[in-house]
Amino acid sequence: MIILATIGAVALIVALMFYWSSFKTNRDNTSKLKKDQKAQLKEKARKSKLIAHALLALGIILILIPIIRNASTNYDVDSLNTGASIEVTSDKDLGGGHSDMPVQYETKFPTSGTHSPHDLKFGFYEKKPETEMLVHNLEHGDIEIYYRANASEETLKSIKYLTHFREAGAGVLAIPSEDIPEGKDVVLTAWTKTMALDKYDEAKVGQFIYDHIDNGPEHIPANVRRGGGTM
């Protein structure tokens, strides 16, 4: 998707160059030139404009393809309710105080406790953000998927897909982690909830999202959170 958009942007830039070339050629086509010279410049300008039109159309199409595909994809949380059997641990509620200072958590994947007053945008992260901010997201009902950095392309593609789901003002974040226990593929967290899977299973991950998204102690309307990162 990113490659298509990049090629589209390049096509638009080149199109502008050809439009400028056509404009400059027409400007140089003055009455001082001979008839055959004027004809050559006119033909050159015409060809430049045709190429510019074609590149403009190509660029617009390539940029619109990812937008149209994303718009047509179904991200309805209800579609994740497959009835998959999952084992979820209920964790102790350690409260939700705010602090700008670093916090020493009892577990590698805290699901409550004192945290940063700032939260994070929903989406797929290639570098692990501050744990204090991640806990804040959980407070607002977000779901967090901790994945192995060396996970298969198929797994990463599935996880990226799941980060697009929203429910009210809550969303999904995917975070790389070196703390995933040996023998586990992923760890999922919600407010006071944890699930670890021996093997990645999109249906089970989706079921966890369906069951626990927007179940945090603080519910922020979607028009306020706007994809997270606003508190």
Protein backbone atom coordinates (compact mmCIF):
# COMPACT_ATOMS: atom_id res chain seq x y z
CA MET A 1 0.00 0.00 0.00
CA ILE A 2 2.76 2.42 0.96
CA ILE A 3 4.69 1.56 -2.20
CA LEU A 4 1.66 2.33 -4.38
CA ALA A 5 1.13 5.67 -2.68
CA THR A 6 4.83 6.53 -3.04
CA ILE A 7 4.83 5.71 -6.77
CA GLY A 8 1.64 7.74 -7.13
CA ALA A 9 3.25 10.75 -5.45
CA VAL A 10 6.29 10.48 -7.74
CA ALA A 11 3.99 10.30 -10.77
CA LEU A 12 2.26 13.52 -9.66
CA ILE A 13 5.59 15.30 -9.26
CA VAL A 14 6.76 14.21 -12.72
CA ALA A 15 3.38 15.24 -14.14
CA LEU A 16 3.91 18.75 -12.77
CA MET A 17 7.34 18.82 -14.43
CA PHE A 18 5.80 17.96 -17.79
CA TYR A 19 3.06 20.57 -17.30
CA TRP A 20 5.76 23.14 -16.62
CA SER A 21 7.67 21.99 -19.71
CA SER A 22 4.52 22.39 -21.82
CA PHE A 23 3.87 25.85 -20.39
CA LYS A 24 7.48 26.94 -20.95
CA THR A 25 7.45 25.63 -24.53
CA ASN A 26 4.26 27.53 -25.32
CA ARG A 27 5.76 30.66 -23.79
CA ASP A 28 8.85 30.32 -25.97
CA ASN A 29 6.68 29.92 -29.08
CA THR A 30 6.70 33.60 -30.13
CA SER A 31 5.83 35.31 -33.37
CA LYS A 32 9.52 35.92 -33.95
CA LEU A 33 10.08 32.26 -34.83
CA LYS A 34 9.76 30.76 -38.26
CA LYS A 35 6.65 28.78 -39.17
CA ASP A 36 8.36 25.37 -38.97
CA GLN A 37 9.95 26.25 -35.62
CA LYS A 38 6.59 27.31 -34.23
CA ALA A 39 5.06 24.01 -35.42
CA GLN A 40 7.82 21.99 -33.74
CA LEU A 41 7.39 23.82 -30.45
CA LYS A 42 3.62 23.44 -30.61
CA GLU A 43 3.98 19.68 -31.15
CA LYS A 44 6.50 19.43 -28.30
CA ALA A 45 4.13 21.28 -25.97
CA ARG A 46 1.25 19.02 -27.00
CA LYS A 47 3.23 15.85 -26.27
CA SER A 48 4.40 17.19 -22.90
CA LYS A 49 0.81 17.98 -21.95
CA LEU A 50 -0.39 14.51 -22.99
CA ILE A 51 2.31 12.85 -20.90
CA ALA A 52 1.44 15.12 -17.97
CA HIS A 53 -2.24 14.19 -18.24
CA ALA A 54 -1.38 10.47 -18.26
CA LEU A 55 0.96 10.77 -15.26
CA LEU A 56 -1.57 12.84 -13.37
CA ALA A 57 -4.26 10.21 -13.89
CA LEU A 58 -1.84 7.41 -12.92
CA GLY A 59 -0.74 9.22 -9.77
CA ILE A 60 -4.29 9.87 -8.62
CA ILE A 61 -5.29 6.23 -9.22
CA LEU A 62 -2.27 4.84 -7.33
CA ILE A 63 -2.90 7.13 -4.35
CA LEU A 64 -6.62 6.33 -4.27
CA ILE A 65 -6.20 2.53 -4.39
CA PRO A 66 -5.04 2.17 -0.72
CA ILE A 67 -7.68 4.67 0.43
CA ILE A 68 -10.47 2.79 -1.35
CA ARG A 69 -9.25 -0.59 -0.10
CA ASN A 70 -9.12 0.61 3.50
CA ALA A 71 -12.56 2.18 3.22
CA SER A 72 -14.04 -1.04 1.87
CA THR A 73 -12.52 -3.26 4.60
CA ASN A 74 -14.91 -4.31 7.36
CA TYR A 75 -13.62 -3.27 10.79
CA ASP A 76 -16.83 -3.98 12.70
CA VAL A 77 -15.89 -5.31 16.16
CA ASP A 78 -18.96 -7.57 16.12
CA SER A 79 -17.33 -9.53 13.27
CA LEU A 80 -14.61 -10.62 15.73
CA ASN A 81 -17.13 -12.49 17.87
CA THR A 82 -16.49 -15.97 16.46
CA GLY A 83 -17.17 -17.79 19.72
CA ALA A 84 -13.55 -18.92 19.93
CA SER A 85 -12.68 -20.45 23.29
CA ILE A 86 -10.11 -18.35 25.14
CA GLU A 87 -8.47 -18.49 28.57
CA VAL A 88 -8.17 -15.06 30.15
CA THR A 89 -6.54 -14.20 33.47
CA SER A 90 -8.23 -11.61 35.68
CA ASP A 91 -5.55 -9.46 37.31
CA LYS A 92 -5.69 -7.45 40.52
CA ASP A 93 -6.92 -3.88 40.02
CA LEU A 94 -4.05 -1.68 41.23
CA GLY A 95 -5.85 1.58 40.56
CA GLY A 96 -5.21 4.25 37.97
CA GLY A 97 -3.37 7.20 39.47
CA HIS A 98 -1.36 9.53 37.21
CA SER A 99 2.32 10.37 37.55
CA ASP A 100 5.02 11.85 35.31
CA MET A 101 7.63 9.79 37.15
CA PRO A 102 8.79 6.30 36.06
CA VAL A 103 6.74 3.50 37.63
CA GLN A 104 8.09 0.17 38.90
CA TYR A 105 5.50 -2.42 37.87
CA GLU A 106 5.18 -5.87 39.41
CA THR A 107 4.79 -7.61 36.03
CA LYS A 108 6.22 -7.24 32.52
CA PHE A 109 2.72 -6.64 31.15
CA PRO A 110 0.91 -4.47 33.71
CA THR A 111 -2.84 -4.14 33.25
CA SER A 112 -3.52 -1.44 35.85
CA GLY A 113 -1.70 0.80 38.29
CA THR A 114 -0.23 4.29 38.37
CA HIS A 115 0.62 5.49 34.89
CA SER A 116 1.52 8.44 32.69
CA PRO A 117 -1.07 11.21 32.21
CA HIS A 118 -0.49 10.78 28.45
CA ASP A 119 -1.71 7.95 26.22
CA LEU A 120 -0.74 6.71 22.76
CA LYS A 121 -2.28 6.61 19.30
CA PHE A 122 -3.88 3.33 18.25
CA GLY A 123 -2.00 1.25 15.68
CA PHE A 124 1.01 -0.95 14.99
CA TYR A 125 4.28 -0.01 16.72
CA GLU A 126 7.69 -1.24 15.60
CA LYS A 127 9.36 0.10 18.75
CA LYS A 128 7.98 -0.36 22.27
CA PRO A 129 6.65 2.89 23.80
CA GLU A 130 6.85 3.70 27.51
CA THR A 131 4.98 1.20 29.66
CA GLU A 132 3.48 4.03 31.72
CA MET A 133 1.73 5.35 28.60
CA LEU A 134 0.56 1.88 27.57
CA VAL A 135 -1.16 1.41 30.92
CA HIS A 136 -2.98 4.71 30.36
CA ASN A 137 -4.38 3.32 27.11
CA LEU A 138 -5.72 0.30 28.96
CA GLU A 139 -7.51 2.62 31.38
CA HIS A 140 -9.51 3.94 28.39
CA GLY A 141 -10.52 0.45 27.30
CA ASP A 142 -7.89 -0.13 24.63
CA ILE A 143 -6.51 -3.56 23.78
CA GLU A 144 -2.77 -4.19 23.51
CA ILE A 145 -1.20 -7.02 21.50
CA TYR A 146 2.41 -7.77 22.39
CA TYR A 147 4.15 -9.59 19.55
CA ARG A 148 7.60 -11.01 18.87
CA ALA A 149 9.71 -8.84 16.55
CA ASN A 150 10.69 -11.96 14.58
CA ALA A 151 7.10 -13.12 14.09
CA SER A 152 6.17 -14.44 10.65
CA GLU A 153 4.96 -12.07 7.95
CA GLU A 154 1.57 -13.77 8.08
CA THR A 155 1.27 -13.13 11.82
CA LEU A 156 2.38 -9.51 11.51
CA LYS A 157 -0.09 -8.92 8.67
CA SER A 158 -2.92 -10.31 10.79
CA ILE A 159 -1.94 -8.19 13.81
CA LYS A 160 -1.74 -5.03 11.68
CA TYR A 161 -5.23 -5.79 10.39
CA LEU A 162 -6.61 -6.13 13.92
CA THR A 163 -5.18 -2.76 15.00
CA HIS A 164 -7.77 -1.05 12.76
CA PHE A 165 -10.70 -2.11 14.93
CA ARG A 166 -12.46 0.48 17.10
CA GLU A 167 -15.29 0.45 19.62
CA ALA A 168 -16.63 3.82 20.78
CA GLY A 169 -13.51 5.70 21.96
CA ALA A 170 -11.32 2.60 22.37
CA GLY A 171 -8.91 0.97 19.93
CA VAL A 172 -6.11 -1.56 19.50
CA LEU A 173 -2.33 -1.18 19.78
CA ALA A 174 0.32 -3.72 18.75
CA ILE A 175 3.69 -3.53 20.51
CA PRO A 176 6.91 -5.52 20.04
CA SER A 177 8.22 -7.11 23.23
CA GLU A 178 11.26 -9.10 24.29
CA ASP A 179 9.48 -10.08 27.50
CA ILE A 180 7.01 -12.54 25.99
CA PRO A 181 7.48 -15.79 27.95
CA GLU A 182 9.28 -18.70 26.35
CA GLY A 183 6.83 -20.93 24.53
CA LYS A 184 4.33 -18.13 23.93
CA ASP A 185 3.71 -16.31 20.64
CA VAL A 186 1.73 -13.28 21.81
CA VAL A 187 0.43 -11.67 24.98
CA LEU A 188 -2.76 -9.60 25.00
CA THR A 189 -3.82 -7.16 27.68
CA ALA A 190 -6.87 -5.13 28.56
CA TRP A 191 -7.64 -3.36 31.84
CA THR A 192 -7.02 -6.04 34.52
CA LYS A 193 -7.10 -8.80 31.85
CA THR A 194 -4.28 -10.87 30.32
CA MET A 195 -4.19 -13.63 27.72
CA ALA A 196 -1.07 -15.42 26.46
CA LEU A 197 -1.19 -17.74 23.45
CA ASP A 198 1.22 -20.61 22.76
CA LYS A 199 0.54 -20.12 19.05
CA TYR A 200 -0.88 -17.04 17.36
CA ASP A 201 -4.55 -17.51 16.50
CA GLU A 202 -6.41 -14.62 14.84
CA ALA A 203 -9.81 -15.94 15.94
CA LYS A 204 -8.75 -16.07 19.61
CA VAL A 205 -7.07 -12.67 19.46
CA GLY A 206 -10.18 -11.26 17.80
CA GLN A 207 -12.40 -12.80 20.47
CA PHE A 208 -10.30 -11.18 23.21
CA ILE A 209 -10.67 -7.82 21.49
CA TYR A 210 -14.44 -8.30 21.15
CA ASP A 211 -14.83 -9.34 24.80
CA HIS A 212 -12.73 -6.62 26.41
CA ILE A 213 -12.43 -3.53 24.18
CA ASP A 214 -13.91 -0.37 25.72
CA ASN A 215 -14.14 -2.07 29.13
CA GLY A 216 -11.72 0.22 30.95
CA PRO A 217 -12.74 2.36 33.94
CA GLU A 218 -12.63 5.57 31.86
CA HIS A 219 -14.76 5.83 28.72
CA ILE A 220 -13.77 8.66 26.39
CA PRO A 221 -16.06 9.41 23.40
CA ALA A 222 -14.61 8.65 19.98
CA ASN A 223 -14.97 12.28 18.85
CA VAL A 224 -12.72 13.27 21.76
CA ARG A 225 -10.04 10.58 21.55
CA ARG A 226 -9.79 10.63 17.72
CA GLY A 227 -7.58 7.56 17.50
CA GLY A 228 -5.95 7.86 20.89
CA GLY A 229 -3.05 10.03 21.98
CA THR A 230 -5.28 12.86 23.17
CA MET A 231 -5.31 12.49 26.96
